[in-house]
C-alpha atoms as a PDB file:
ATOM      1  CA  MET A   1      -2.320   4.064 -18.375  1.00  0.00           C
ATOM      2  CA  ILE A   2      -1.387   0.748 -16.779  1.00  0.00           C
ATOM      3  CA  PRO A   3       2.325  -0.057 -16.246  1.00  0.00           C
ATOM      4  CA  VAL A   4       4.156  -1.422 -19.278  1.00  0.00           C
ATOM      5  CA  SER A   5       7.146  -3.750 -18.911  1.00  0.00           C
ATOM      6  CA  ILE A   6       9.598  -5.492 -21.227  1.00  0.00           C
ATOM      7  CA  LEU A   7      10.168  -9.228 -21.751  1.00  0.00           C
ATOM      8  CA  ASP A   8      13.542  -9.936 -23.350  1.00  0.00           C
ATOM      9  CA  LEU A   9      15.024 -13.218 -24.584  1.00  0.00           C
ATOM     10  CA  ALA A  10      18.420 -11.707 -25.421  1.00  0.00           C
ATOM     11  CA  PRO A  11      17.764 -12.771 -29.034  1.00  0.00           C
ATOM     12  CA  VAL A  12      20.816 -13.853 -31.024  1.00  0.00           C
ATOM     13  CA  GLY A  13      20.040 -12.537 -34.478  1.00  0.00           C
ATOM     14  CA  ASP A  14      21.364 -14.109 -37.646  1.00  0.00           C
ATOM     15  CA  GLY A  15      24.723 -12.422 -38.254  1.00  0.00           C
ATOM     16  CA  TYR A  16      25.210 -11.413 -34.606  1.00  0.00           C
ATOM     17  CA  SER A  17      27.213 -13.064 -31.806  1.00  0.00           C
ATOM     18  CA  VAL A  18      26.075 -14.023 -28.306  1.00  0.00           C
ATOM     19  CA  ALA A  19      28.291 -11.264 -26.902  1.00  0.00           C
ATOM     20  CA  GLU A  20      26.586  -8.715 -29.152  1.00  0.00           C
ATOM     21  CA  SER A  21      23.187 -10.040 -28.104  1.00  0.00           C
ATOM     22  CA  LEU A  22      23.965  -9.623 -24.407  1.00  0.00           C
ATOM     23  CA  ALA A  23      25.315  -6.130 -25.045  1.00  0.00           C
ATOM     24  CA  THR A  24      22.072  -5.248 -26.840  1.00  0.00           C
ATOM     25  CA  SER A  25      20.017  -6.499 -23.888  1.00  0.00           C
ATOM     26  CA  ARG A  26      22.052  -4.202 -21.650  1.00  0.00           C
ATOM     27  CA  THR A  27      21.380  -1.274 -23.974  1.00  0.00           C
ATOM     28  CA  MET A  28      17.686  -2.172 -24.083  1.00  0.00           C
ATOM     29  CA  ALA A  29      17.478  -2.282 -20.281  1.00  0.00           C
ATOM     30  CA  LEU A  30      19.125   1.132 -20.008  1.00  0.00           C
ATOM     31  CA  ALA A  31      16.720   2.573 -22.585  1.00  0.00           C
ATOM     32  CA  ALA A  32      13.732   0.943 -20.853  1.00  0.00           C
ATOM     33  CA  GLU A  33      14.813   2.612 -17.623  1.00  0.00           C
ATOM     34  CA  GLU A  34      15.161   5.971 -19.375  1.00  0.00           C
ATOM     35  CA  TYR A  35      11.683   5.648 -20.919  1.00  0.00           C
ATOM     36  CA  ASN A  36      10.106   4.682 -17.575  1.00  0.00           C
ATOM     37  CA  TYR A  37       9.151   1.092 -18.318  1.00  0.00           C
ATOM     38  CA  HIS A  38       8.184  -0.684 -15.116  1.00  0.00           C
ATOM     39  CA  ARG A  39      10.146  -3.954 -15.340  1.00  0.00           C
ATOM     40  CA  PHE A  40      12.674  -5.675 -17.556  1.00  0.00           C
ATOM     41  CA  TRP A  41      12.391  -9.459 -17.457  1.00  0.00           C
ATOM     42  CA  LEU A  42      14.414 -12.237 -19.058  1.00  0.00           C
ATOM     43  CA  ALA A  43      13.154 -15.710 -19.988  1.00  0.00           C
ATOM     44  CA  GLU A  44      14.917 -19.020 -19.316  1.00  0.00           C
ATOM     45  CA  HIS A  45      15.310 -21.145 -22.448  1.00  0.00           C
ATOM     46  CA  HIS A  46      17.932 -23.814 -23.134  1.00  0.00           C
ATOM     47  CA  GLY A  47      19.496 -25.285 -26.249  1.00  0.00           C
ATOM     48  CA  MET A  48      18.192 -22.575 -28.584  1.00  0.00           C
ATOM     49  CA  VAL A  49      20.864 -20.905 -30.710  1.00  0.00           C
ATOM     50  CA  GLY A  50      18.677 -17.815 -31.079  1.00  0.00           C
ATOM     51  CA  VAL A  51      18.335 -17.167 -27.327  1.00  0.00           C
ATOM     52  CA  ALA A  52      21.159 -16.029 -25.007  1.00  0.00           C
ATOM     53  CA  SER A  53      19.306 -15.821 -21.669  1.00  0.00           C
ATOM     54  CA  SER A  54      19.667 -19.445 -20.526  1.00  0.00           C
ATOM     55  CA  ALA A  55      21.777 -18.441 -17.477  1.00  0.00           C
ATOM     56  CA  THR A  56      19.011 -16.051 -16.483  1.00  0.00           C
ATOM     57  CA  ALA A  57      20.290 -14.948 -13.073  1.00  0.00           C
ATOM     58  CA  VAL A  58      23.749 -14.219 -14.512  1.00  0.00           C
ATOM     59  CA  VAL A  59      22.321 -12.006 -17.256  1.00  0.00           C
ATOM     60  CA  LEU A  60      20.078 -10.232 -14.733  1.00  0.00           C
ATOM     61  CA  SER A  61      23.155  -9.342 -12.712  1.00  0.00           C
ATOM     62  CA  HIS A  62      24.755  -7.996 -15.895  1.00  0.00           C
ATOM     63  CA  LEU A  63      21.718  -5.731 -16.375  1.00  0.00           C
ATOM     64  CA  GLY A  64      21.507  -4.800 -12.712  1.00  0.00           C
ATOM     65  CA  ALA A  65      25.050  -3.484 -12.731  1.00  0.00           C
ATOM     66  CA  ALA A  66      24.196  -1.199 -15.653  1.00  0.00           C
ATOM     67  CA  THR A  67      20.845   0.161 -14.390  1.00  0.00           C
ATOM     68  CA  SER A  68      19.787   1.918 -11.206  1.00  0.00           C
ATOM     69  CA  LYS A  69      16.018   1.877 -10.711  1.00  0.00           C
ATOM     70  CA  ILE A  70      14.086  -0.345 -13.151  1.00  0.00           C
ATOM     71  CA  ARG A  71      12.816  -3.626 -11.709  1.00  0.00           C
ATOM     72  CA  LEU A  72      14.546  -6.726 -13.065  1.00  0.00           C
ATOM     73  CA  GLY A  73      13.358 -10.299 -13.031  1.00  0.00           C
ATOM     74  CA  SER A  74      12.659 -13.622 -14.650  1.00  0.00           C
ATOM     75  CA  GLY A  75       9.817 -14.227 -17.007  1.00  0.00           C
ATOM     76  CA  GLY A  76      10.423 -16.873 -16.012  1.00  0.00           C
ATOM     77  CA  ILE A  77      12.619 -19.352 -14.223  1.00  0.00           C
ATOM     78  CA  MET A  78      11.471 -22.877 -15.115  1.00  0.00           C
ATOM     79  CA  LEU A  79      11.383 -24.231 -11.593  1.00  0.00           C
ATOM     80  CA  PRO A  80      11.250 -27.963 -12.438  1.00  0.00           C
ATOM     81  CA  ASN A  81      14.747 -27.552 -13.942  1.00  0.00           C
ATOM     82  CA  HIS A  82      16.213 -26.521 -10.581  1.00  0.00           C
ATOM     83  CA  SER A  83      16.205 -27.156  -6.874  1.00  0.00           C
ATOM     84  CA  PRO A  84      14.293 -24.423  -4.999  1.00  0.00           C
ATOM     85  CA  LEU A  85      17.361 -23.858  -2.815  1.00  0.00           C
ATOM     86  CA  VAL A  86      19.550 -22.978  -5.807  1.00  0.00           C
ATOM     87  CA  ILE A  87      16.978 -20.483  -7.109  1.00  0.00           C
ATOM     88  CA  ALA A  88      16.561 -18.972  -3.632  1.00  0.00           C
ATOM     89  CA  GLU A  89      20.331 -18.463  -3.417  1.00  0.00           C
ATOM     90  CA  GLN A  90      20.596 -16.998  -6.925  1.00  0.00           C
ATOM     91  CA  PHE A  91      17.726 -14.535  -6.557  1.00  0.00           C
ATOM     92  CA  GLY A  92      18.601 -13.836  -2.938  1.00  0.00           C
ATOM     93  CA  THR A  93      22.027 -12.787  -4.184  1.00  0.00           C
ATOM     94  CA  LEU A  94      20.435 -10.548  -6.816  1.00  0.00           C
ATOM     95  CA  ALA A  95      18.171  -9.022  -4.161  1.00  0.00           C
ATOM     96  CA  GLU A  96      21.181  -8.174  -1.991  1.00  0.00           C
ATOM     97  CA  LEU A  97      23.059  -6.680  -4.943  1.00  0.00           C
ATOM     98  CA  TYR A  98      20.078  -4.710  -6.284  1.00  0.00           C
ATOM     99  CA  PRO A  99      17.710  -4.129  -3.326  1.00  0.00           C
ATOM    100  CA  LYS A 100      13.970  -3.797  -3.945  1.00  0.00           C
ATOM    101  CA  ARG A 101      14.421  -4.264  -7.693  1.00  0.00           C
ATOM    102  CA  ILE A 102      14.224  -8.053  -8.215  1.00  0.00           C
ATOM    103  CA  ASP A 103      11.203 -10.155  -9.249  1.00  0.00           C
ATOM    104  CA  LEU A 104      11.068 -13.945  -9.505  1.00  0.00           C
ATOM    105  CA  GLY A 105       8.636 -15.202 -12.121  1.00  0.00           C
ATOM    106  CA  LEU A 106       8.172 -18.983 -12.138  1.00  0.00           C
ATOM    107  CA  GLY A 107       7.032 -21.432 -14.801  1.00  0.00           C
ATOM    108  CA  ARG A 108       6.683 -25.199 -14.824  1.00  0.00           C
ATOM    109  CA  ALA A 109       7.608 -26.076 -18.421  1.00  0.00           C
ATOM    110  CA  PRO A 110      11.205 -27.196 -19.091  1.00  0.00           C
ATOM    111  CA  GLY A 111      11.746 -24.387 -21.595  1.00  0.00           C
ATOM    112  CA  THR A 112      13.550 -26.750 -23.935  1.00  0.00           C
ATOM    113  CA  ASP A 113      13.409 -30.155 -25.613  1.00  0.00           C
ATOM    114  CA  MET A 114      13.379 -33.359 -23.579  1.00  0.00           C
ATOM    115  CA  GLN A 115      16.989 -34.309 -24.376  1.00  0.00           C
ATOM    116  CA  THR A 116      18.212 -30.947 -23.094  1.00  0.00           C
ATOM    117  CA  ALA A 117      15.890 -31.221 -20.100  1.00  0.00           C
ATOM    118  CA  ARG A 118      17.569 -34.505 -19.154  1.00  0.00           C
ATOM    119  CA  ALA A 119      20.962 -32.830 -19.536  1.00  0.00           C
ATOM    120  CA  LEU A 120      19.784 -30.237 -17.002  1.00  0.00           C
ATOM    121  CA  ARG A 121      19.451 -33.122 -14.502  1.00  0.00           C
ATOM    122  CA  ARG A 122      15.725 -32.476 -14.386  1.00  0.00           C
ATOM    123  CA  ASN A 123      13.721 -35.241 -12.728  1.00  0.00           C
ATOM    124  CA  MET A 124      11.755 -36.416 -15.739  1.00  0.00           C
ATOM    125  CA  ASN A 125       9.603 -38.693 -13.571  1.00  0.00           C
ATOM    126  CA  ALA A 126       8.473 -35.962 -11.199  1.00  0.00           C
ATOM    127  CA  SER A 127       4.723 -35.466 -11.053  1.00  0.00           C
ATOM    128  CA  VAL A 128       3.257 -32.099 -11.930  1.00  0.00           C
ATOM    129  CA  ASP A 129       1.908 -32.143  -8.374  1.00  0.00           C
ATOM    130  CA  GLN A 130       5.459 -31.447  -7.136  1.00  0.00           C
ATOM    131  CA  TYR A 131       5.474 -27.990  -8.703  1.00  0.00           C
ATOM    132  CA  PRO A 132       3.201 -26.315  -6.090  1.00  0.00           C
ATOM    133  CA  ASP A 133       5.293 -27.883  -3.309  1.00  0.00           C
ATOM    134  CA  ASP A 134       8.460 -26.475  -4.882  1.00  0.00           C
ATOM    135  CA  VAL A 135       6.868 -23.015  -5.062  1.00  0.00           C
ATOM    136  CA  LEU A 136       5.955 -23.198  -1.364  1.00  0.00           C
ATOM    137  CA  GLN A 137       9.461 -24.360  -0.469  1.00  0.00           C
ATOM    138  CA  LEU A 138      10.933 -21.471  -2.410  1.00  0.00           C
ATOM    139  CA  GLN A 139       8.681 -19.016  -0.580  1.00  0.00           C
ATOM    140  CA  ARG A 140       9.832 -20.414   2.751  1.00  0.00           C
ATOM    141  CA  LEU A 141      13.504 -20.216   1.773  1.00  0.00           C
ATOM    142  CA  LEU A 142      13.107 -16.543   0.823  1.00  0.00           C
ATOM    143  CA  GLY A 143      11.127 -15.786   3.995  1.00  0.00           C
ATOM    144  CA  GLU A 144      11.993 -15.407   7.653  1.00  0.00           C
ATOM    145  CA  GLY A 145      11.221 -18.839   9.074  1.00  0.00           C
ATOM    146  CA  ASP A 146      13.718 -21.472  10.188  1.00  0.00           C
ATOM    147  CA  GLN A 147      13.348 -24.342   7.722  1.00  0.00           C
ATOM    148  CA  GLY A 148      16.451 -26.242   8.821  1.00  0.00           C
ATOM    149  CA  VAL A 149      18.030 -25.492   5.449  1.00  0.00           C
ATOM    150  CA  ILE A 150      18.968 -21.821   5.091  1.00  0.00           C
ATOM    151  CA  ALA A 151      19.395 -20.059   1.762  1.00  0.00           C
ATOM    152  CA  THR A 152      22.373 -17.736   2.142  1.00  0.00           C
ATOM    153  CA  PRO A 153      21.912 -15.304   0.455  1.00  0.00           C
ATOM    154  CA  GLY A 154      18.141 -15.537   0.140  1.00  0.00           C
ATOM    155  CA  HIS A 155      16.827 -15.927   3.674  1.00  0.00           C
ATOM    156  CA  GLY A 156      14.714 -12.942   4.638  1.00  0.00           C
ATOM    157  CA  THR A 157      14.898 -11.215   1.259  1.00  0.00           C
ATOM    158  CA  HIS A 158      11.216 -11.812   0.449  1.00  0.00           C
ATOM    159  CA  VAL A 159      11.830 -11.606  -3.286  1.00  0.00           C
ATOM    160  CA  PRO A 160       8.363 -11.142  -4.856  1.00  0.00           C
ATOM    161  CA  ILE A 161       7.264 -14.339  -6.599  1.00  0.00           C
ATOM    162  CA  TRP A 162       5.100 -14.302  -9.715  1.00  0.00           C
ATOM    163  CA  MET A 163       3.250 -17.223 -11.224  1.00  0.00           C
ATOM    164  CA  LEU A 164       3.627 -17.486 -15.000  1.00  0.00           C
ATOM    165  CA  GLY A 165       1.594 -19.699 -17.248  1.00  0.00           C
ATOM    166  CA  SER A 166      -0.519 -20.316 -20.319  1.00  0.00           C
ATOM    167  CA  SER A 167      -3.169 -22.607 -18.850  1.00  0.00           C
ATOM    168  CA  LEU A 168      -5.959 -22.829 -16.301  1.00  0.00           C
ATOM    169  CA  TYR A 169      -3.680 -24.911 -14.065  1.00  0.00           C
ATOM    170  CA  SER A 170      -1.256 -22.020 -13.550  1.00  0.00           C
ATOM    171  CA  ALA A 171      -4.181 -19.674 -12.869  1.00  0.00           C
ATOM    172  CA  GLN A 172      -5.452 -22.020 -10.154  1.00  0.00           C
ATOM    173  CA  VAL A 173      -2.049 -22.249  -8.455  1.00  0.00           C
ATOM    174  CA  ALA A 174      -1.585 -18.469  -8.566  1.00  0.00           C
ATOM    175  CA  ALA A 175      -5.054 -17.914  -7.084  1.00  0.00           C
ATOM    176  CA  GLU A 176      -4.559 -20.494  -4.339  1.00  0.00           C
ATOM    177  CA  PHE A 177      -1.185 -19.049  -3.278  1.00  0.00           C
ATOM    178  CA  GLY A 178      -2.251 -15.407  -3.582  1.00  0.00           C
ATOM    179  CA  LEU A 179       0.466 -14.608  -6.144  1.00  0.00           C
ATOM    180  CA  PRO A 180       0.449 -12.129  -9.034  1.00  0.00           C
ATOM    181  CA  TYR A 181      -0.246 -13.884 -12.310  1.00  0.00           C
ATOM    182  CA  SER A 182       1.291 -13.319 -15.747  1.00  0.00           C
ATOM    183  CA  PHE A 183      -0.296 -15.053 -18.750  1.00  0.00           C
ATOM    184  CA  ALA A 184       1.812 -15.918 -21.807  1.00  0.00           C
ATOM    185  CA  SER A 185      -0.678 -14.603 -24.357  1.00  0.00           C
ATOM    186  CA  HIS A 186       2.204 -13.518 -26.587  1.00  0.00           C
ATOM    187  CA  PHE A 187       2.431 -17.114 -27.863  1.00  0.00           C
ATOM    188  CA  ALA A 188      -0.451 -19.023 -26.218  1.00  0.00           C
ATOM    189  CA  PRO A 189      -3.620 -16.914 -26.561  1.00  0.00           C
ATOM    190  CA  ASP A 190      -6.386 -19.484 -26.296  1.00  0.00           C
ATOM    191  CA  GLN A 191      -7.157 -19.513 -22.563  1.00  0.00           C
ATOM    192  CA  LEU A 192      -6.233 -15.922 -21.688  1.00  0.00           C
ATOM    193  CA  LEU A 193      -9.665 -14.630 -20.734  1.00  0.00           C
ATOM    194  CA  GLU A 194     -10.784 -17.861 -19.065  1.00  0.00           C
ATOM    195  CA  ALA A 195      -7.568 -18.020 -17.008  1.00  0.00           C
ATOM    196  CA  PHE A 196      -7.974 -14.430 -15.812  1.00  0.00           C
ATOM    197  CA  THR A 197     -11.597 -15.057 -14.868  1.00  0.00           C
ATOM    198  CA  LEU A 198     -10.689 -18.166 -12.886  1.00  0.00           C
ATOM    199  CA  TYR A 199      -7.746 -16.436 -11.191  1.00  0.00           C
ATOM    200  CA  ARG A 200      -9.766 -13.412 -10.114  1.00  0.00           C
ATOM    201  CA  ARG A 201     -12.709 -15.499  -8.926  1.00  0.00           C
ATOM    202  CA  TYR A 202     -10.716 -17.860  -6.704  1.00  0.00           C
ATOM    203  CA  PHE A 203      -7.893 -15.572  -5.562  1.00  0.00           C
ATOM    204  CA  LYS A 204      -6.992 -15.895  -1.875  1.00  0.00           C
ATOM    205  CA  ALA A 205      -5.351 -12.902  -0.241  1.00  0.00           C
ATOM    206  CA  SER A 206      -1.788 -13.559   0.930  1.00  0.00           C
ATOM    207  CA  GLU A 207       0.989 -11.771   2.762  1.00  0.00           C
ATOM    208  CA  GLN A 208       2.455 -10.752  -0.607  1.00  0.00           C
ATOM    209  CA  ASN A 209      -0.806  -9.685  -2.309  1.00  0.00           C
ATOM    210  CA  ALA A 210      -4.096  -8.519  -0.808  1.00  0.00           C
ATOM    211  CA  LYS A 211      -5.901  -8.655  -4.153  1.00  0.00           C
ATOM    212  CA  PRO A 212      -5.450 -10.220  -7.602  1.00  0.00           C
ATOM    213  CA  TYR A 213      -2.891  -8.710  -9.954  1.00  0.00           C
ATOM    214  CA  THR A 214      -2.758  -9.704 -13.610  1.00  0.00           C
ATOM    215  CA  MET A 215      -0.193  -9.223 -16.337  1.00  0.00           C
ATOM    216  CA  ALA A 216      -0.524 -10.218 -19.993  1.00  0.00           C
ATOM    217  CA  GLY A 217       2.234 -10.739 -22.536  1.00  0.00           C
ATOM    218  CA  VAL A 218       2.031  -9.472 -26.118  1.00  0.00           C
ATOM    219  CA  MET A 219       4.467  -9.275 -28.992  1.00  0.00           C
ATOM    220  CA  LEU A 220       4.860  -5.740 -30.216  1.00  0.00           C
ATOM    221  CA  VAL A 221       6.578  -3.962 -33.092  1.00  0.00           C
ATOM    222  CA  VAL A 222       6.181  -0.209 -33.499  1.00  0.00           C
ATOM    223  CA  ALA A 223       7.683   1.616 -36.484  1.00  0.00           C
ATOM    224  CA  ASP A 224       7.070   4.791 -38.458  1.00  0.00           C
ATOM    225  CA  THR A 225       4.574   3.046 -40.749  1.00  0.00           C
ATOM    226  CA  ASP A 226       2.393  -0.056 -40.662  1.00  0.00           C
ATOM    227  CA  GLU A 227       4.291  -1.458 -43.629  1.00  0.00           C
ATOM    228  CA  GLU A 228       7.684  -1.110 -41.951  1.00  0.00           C
ATOM    229  CA  ALA A 229       6.409  -2.710 -38.744  1.00  0.00           C
ATOM    230  CA  GLU A 230       4.897  -5.635 -40.653  1.00  0.00           C
ATOM    231  CA  TYR A 231       8.217  -6.109 -42.466  1.00  0.00           C
ATOM    232  CA  LEU A 232      10.134  -6.189 -39.170  1.00  0.00           C
ATOM    233  CA  PHE A 233       7.596  -8.640 -37.725  1.00  0.00           C
ATOM    234  CA  THR A 234       8.392 -11.253 -40.367  1.00  0.00           C
ATOM    235  CA  SER A 235      11.392 -12.205 -38.204  1.00  0.00           C
ATOM    236  CA  ALA A 236       9.040 -13.465 -35.491  1.00  0.00           C
ATOM    237  CA  GLN A 237       6.829 -15.193 -38.046  1.00  0.00           C
ATOM    238  CA  GLN A 238       9.846 -17.016 -39.487  1.00  0.00           C
ATOM    239  CA  GLN A 239      10.961 -18.016 -36.004  1.00  0.00           C
ATOM    240  CA  PHE A 240       7.625 -19.696 -35.269  1.00  0.00           C
ATOM    241  CA  VAL A 241       7.765 -21.550 -38.578  1.00  0.00           C
ATOM    242  CA  ASN A 242      11.281 -22.740 -37.706  1.00  0.00           C
ATOM    243  CA  LEU A 243      10.092 -23.934 -34.298  1.00  0.00           C
ATOM    244  CA  ARG A 244       7.279 -25.909 -35.900  1.00  0.00           C
ATOM    245  CA  ARG A 245       9.765 -27.503 -38.303  1.00  0.00           C
ATOM    246  CA  ASN A 246      12.212 -28.263 -35.453  1.00  0.00           C
ATOM    247  CA  ARG A 247      14.841 -26.013 -37.000  1.00  0.00           C
ATOM    248  CA  ASN A 248      17.228 -24.555 -34.426  1.00  0.00           C
ATOM    249  CA  PHE A 249      18.370 -21.356 -36.163  1.00  0.00           C
ATOM    250  CA  PRO A 250      19.448 -17.888 -34.998  1.00  0.00           C
ATOM    251  CA  PHE A 251      16.717 -15.246 -34.898  1.00  0.00           C
ATOM    252  CA  PRO A 252      16.096 -14.540 -38.617  1.00  0.00           C
ATOM    253  CA  ALA A 253      16.399 -11.274 -40.499  1.00  0.00           C
ATOM    254  CA  PRO A 254      13.133  -9.876 -41.891  1.00  0.00           C
ATOM    255  CA  VAL A 255      11.935 -10.658 -45.408  1.00  0.00           C
ATOM    256  CA  LYS A 256       9.754  -8.760 -47.866  1.00  0.00           C
ATOM    257  CA  SER A 257       7.200 -11.566 -48.061  1.00  0.00           C
ATOM    258  CA  MET A 258       6.391 -14.723 -46.121  1.00  0.00           C
ATOM    259  CA  ASP A 259       4.537 -16.275 -49.061  1.00  0.00           C
ATOM    260  CA  ASP A 260       7.443 -18.469 -50.176  1.00  0.00           C
ATOM    261  CA  ILE A 261       8.399 -19.419 -46.612  1.00  0.00           C
ATOM    262  CA  TRP A 262       5.299 -20.766 -44.911  1.00  0.00           C
ATOM    263  CA  SER A 263       2.626 -23.190 -46.028  1.00  0.00           C
ATOM    264  CA  PRO A 264      -1.075 -22.290 -45.661  1.00  0.00           C
ATOM    265  CA  SER A 265      -1.341 -24.442 -42.531  1.00  0.00           C
ATOM    266  CA  GLU A 266       1.781 -22.862 -41.038  1.00  0.00           C
ATOM    267  CA  LYS A 267       0.442 -19.394 -41.797  1.00  0.00           C
ATOM    268  CA  HIS A 268      -2.813 -20.246 -40.032  1.00  0.00           C
ATOM    269  CA  MET A 269      -0.927 -21.641 -37.030  1.00  0.00           C
ATOM    270  CA  VAL A 270       1.379 -18.624 -36.684  1.00  0.00           C
ATOM    271  CA  GLU A 271      -1.385 -16.066 -37.116  1.00  0.00           C
ATOM    272  CA  HIS A 272      -3.488 -17.866 -34.507  1.00  0.00           C
ATOM    273  CA  MET A 273      -0.660 -18.033 -31.968  1.00  0.00           C
ATOM    274  CA  LEU A 274       0.221 -14.371 -32.528  1.00  0.00           C
ATOM    275  CA  GLN A 275      -3.336 -13.069 -32.658  1.00  0.00           C
ATOM    276  CA  TYR A 276      -2.692 -10.551 -29.871  1.00  0.00           C
ATOM    277  CA  ALA A 277       0.470  -9.154 -31.474  1.00  0.00           C
ATOM    278  CA  MET A 278       0.455  -5.374 -31.844  1.00  0.00           C
ATOM    279  CA  VAL A 279       2.271  -4.464 -35.042  1.00  0.00           C
ATOM    280  CA  GLY A 280       2.125  -1.116 -36.792  1.00  0.00           C
ATOM    281  CA  SER A 281       2.583   2.624 -36.515  1.00  0.00           C
ATOM    282  CA  LYS A 282       2.009   4.465 -33.257  1.00  0.00           C
ATOM    283  CA  ALA A 283      -1.604   5.161 -34.197  1.00  0.00           C
ATOM    284  CA  SER A 284      -2.301   1.528 -35.094  1.00  0.00           C
ATOM    285  CA  VAL A 285      -0.653   0.169 -31.952  1.00  0.00           C
ATOM    286  CA  LYS A 286      -2.474   2.690 -29.754  1.00  0.00           C
ATOM    287  CA  PHE A 287      -5.815   1.474 -31.125  1.00  0.00           C
ATOM    288  CA  LYS A 288      -4.897  -2.212 -30.666  1.00  0.00           C
ATOM    289  CA  LEU A 289      -3.515  -1.602 -27.188  1.00  0.00           C
ATOM    290  CA  SER A 290      -6.654   0.227 -26.044  1.00  0.00           C
ATOM    291  CA  ARG A 291      -8.860  -2.601 -27.307  1.00  0.00           C
ATOM    292  CA  PHE A 292      -6.696  -5.235 -25.595  1.00  0.00           C
ATOM    293  CA  MET A 293      -6.797  -3.403 -22.260  1.00  0.00           C
ATOM    294  CA  GLU A 294     -10.564  -3.074 -22.501  1.00  0.00           C
ATOM    295  CA  LEU A 295     -10.941  -6.770 -23.379  1.00  0.00           C
ATOM    296  CA  THR A 296      -8.709  -8.145 -20.599  1.00  0.00           C
ATOM    297  CA  GLU A 297      -8.950  -5.497 -17.844  1.00  0.00           C
ATOM    298  CA  VAL A 298      -5.323  -6.406 -17.222  1.00  0.00           C
ATOM    299  CA  ASP A 299      -3.336  -4.625 -14.492  1.00  0.00           C
ATOM    300  CA  GLU A 300      -0.010  -4.590 -16.347  1.00  0.00           C
ATOM    301  CA  LEU A 301       1.257  -5.282 -19.846  1.00  0.00           C
ATOM    302  CA  ILE A 302       4.567  -6.962 -20.638  1.00  0.00           C
ATOM    303  CA  VAL A 303       5.741  -6.656 -24.225  1.00  0.00           C
ATOM    304  CA  SER A 304       8.265  -8.639 -26.228  1.00  0.00           C
ATOM    305  CA  MET A 305       9.830  -6.873 -29.217  1.00  0.00           C
ATOM    306  CA  PRO A 306      10.975  -9.575 -31.668  1.00  0.00           C
ATOM    307  CA  ILE A 307      12.992  -7.334 -33.976  1.00  0.00           C
ATOM    308  CA  HIS A 308      16.198  -8.517 -35.644  1.00  0.00           C
ATOM    309  CA  ASP A 309      17.962  -5.154 -36.001  1.00  0.00           C
ATOM    310  CA  PRO A 310      19.043  -3.722 -32.598  1.00  0.00           C
ATOM    311  CA  GLU A 311      18.521  -0.113 -33.713  1.00  0.00           C
ATOM    312  CA  ALA A 312      15.002  -0.852 -34.922  1.00  0.00           C
ATOM    313  CA  ARG A 313      14.309  -2.622 -31.608  1.00  0.00           C
ATOM    314  CA  LEU A 314      15.466   0.440 -29.660  1.00  0.00           C
ATOM    315  CA  LYS A 315      13.318   2.680 -31.829  1.00  0.00           C
ATOM    316  CA  SER A 316      10.291   0.447 -31.205  1.00  0.00           C
ATOM    317  CA  LEU A 317      10.975   0.739 -27.471  1.00  0.00           C
ATOM    318  CA  LYS A 318      10.961   4.540 -27.707  1.00  0.00           C
ATOM    319  CA  LEU A 319       7.863   4.698 -29.901  1.00  0.00           C
ATOM    320  CA  MET A 320       5.972   2.365 -27.574  1.00  0.00           C
ATOM    321  CA  ALA A 321       6.786   4.632 -24.630  1.00  0.00           C
ATOM    322  CA  GLU A 322       5.258   7.501 -26.610  1.00  0.00           C
ATOM    323  CA  VAL A 323       2.138   5.416 -27.269  1.00  0.00           C
ATOM    324  CA  ARG A 324       1.876   4.553 -23.573  1.00  0.00           C
ATOM    325  CA  ASP A 325       2.202   8.197 -22.533  1.00  0.00           C
ATOM    326  CA  SER A 326      -0.481   9.251 -25.019  1.00  0.00           C
ATOM    327  CA  ILE A 327      -3.156   7.018 -23.463  1.00  0.00           C
END
């Protein structure tokens, strides 16, 4: 079985506080370590009341202090929001605190709305062409060379960099730089197979990676029965409807039926975006997982578990580990 990792957004569920959300992420990371998941990543989002991982490096340190062996990282840091030097210092610090356990996944979207992006002091006029240059600068700052400006901490840590994306552009950059590539198929499925084909075809070996390495994201809910899992998954379905309607709400509790919540067009949109979601009992998820691995020939899977109740989320984590070990 390929390695399986966890993508967490430190979701702030309706009825829960930010402090409770961060405590749950800590508990999830500890459980993921116990069940031998490969990595535990956090995503950078801003201005969303249902997400508590905006200060991604800070939360990673919180998790690093609680765990001892699982890899921790960003899935991802939205590099256009930051100077490469700041990110090199933050993740260099993490690498010194938690040696050989830190990953740095990078994305180029702002991870928020434009008003919040401006509040982040992001250069709204910067060309997309600046993104590859920023990635190269970040690599240099984390490497051994003398660049004039020294990231302290950061210099010489060689934190592994990942390229994240949901488009052919990100696949091209990852291939050109010889970086491992993670595709966001958990919410943007359309170009998954084409992006992997392009990445593998044009990959150039680098000091970090001698050959291509792919990861795919999927949303996943495992429960005792298909019906229970589908009920729990309505939280994610509601969240996507809220995003489409520009409603900034906490992560919603599940409902018995979505029929009175979404319109036919919204249902079509959500089901299309979440077409790779694996929702069901252990047997159902095992079947879906096997088919997905065969379809994508992916090297690693990273799963997001959008479940409102923390205990149900922990149970899904355990059940998924049992599915993984049965393949």
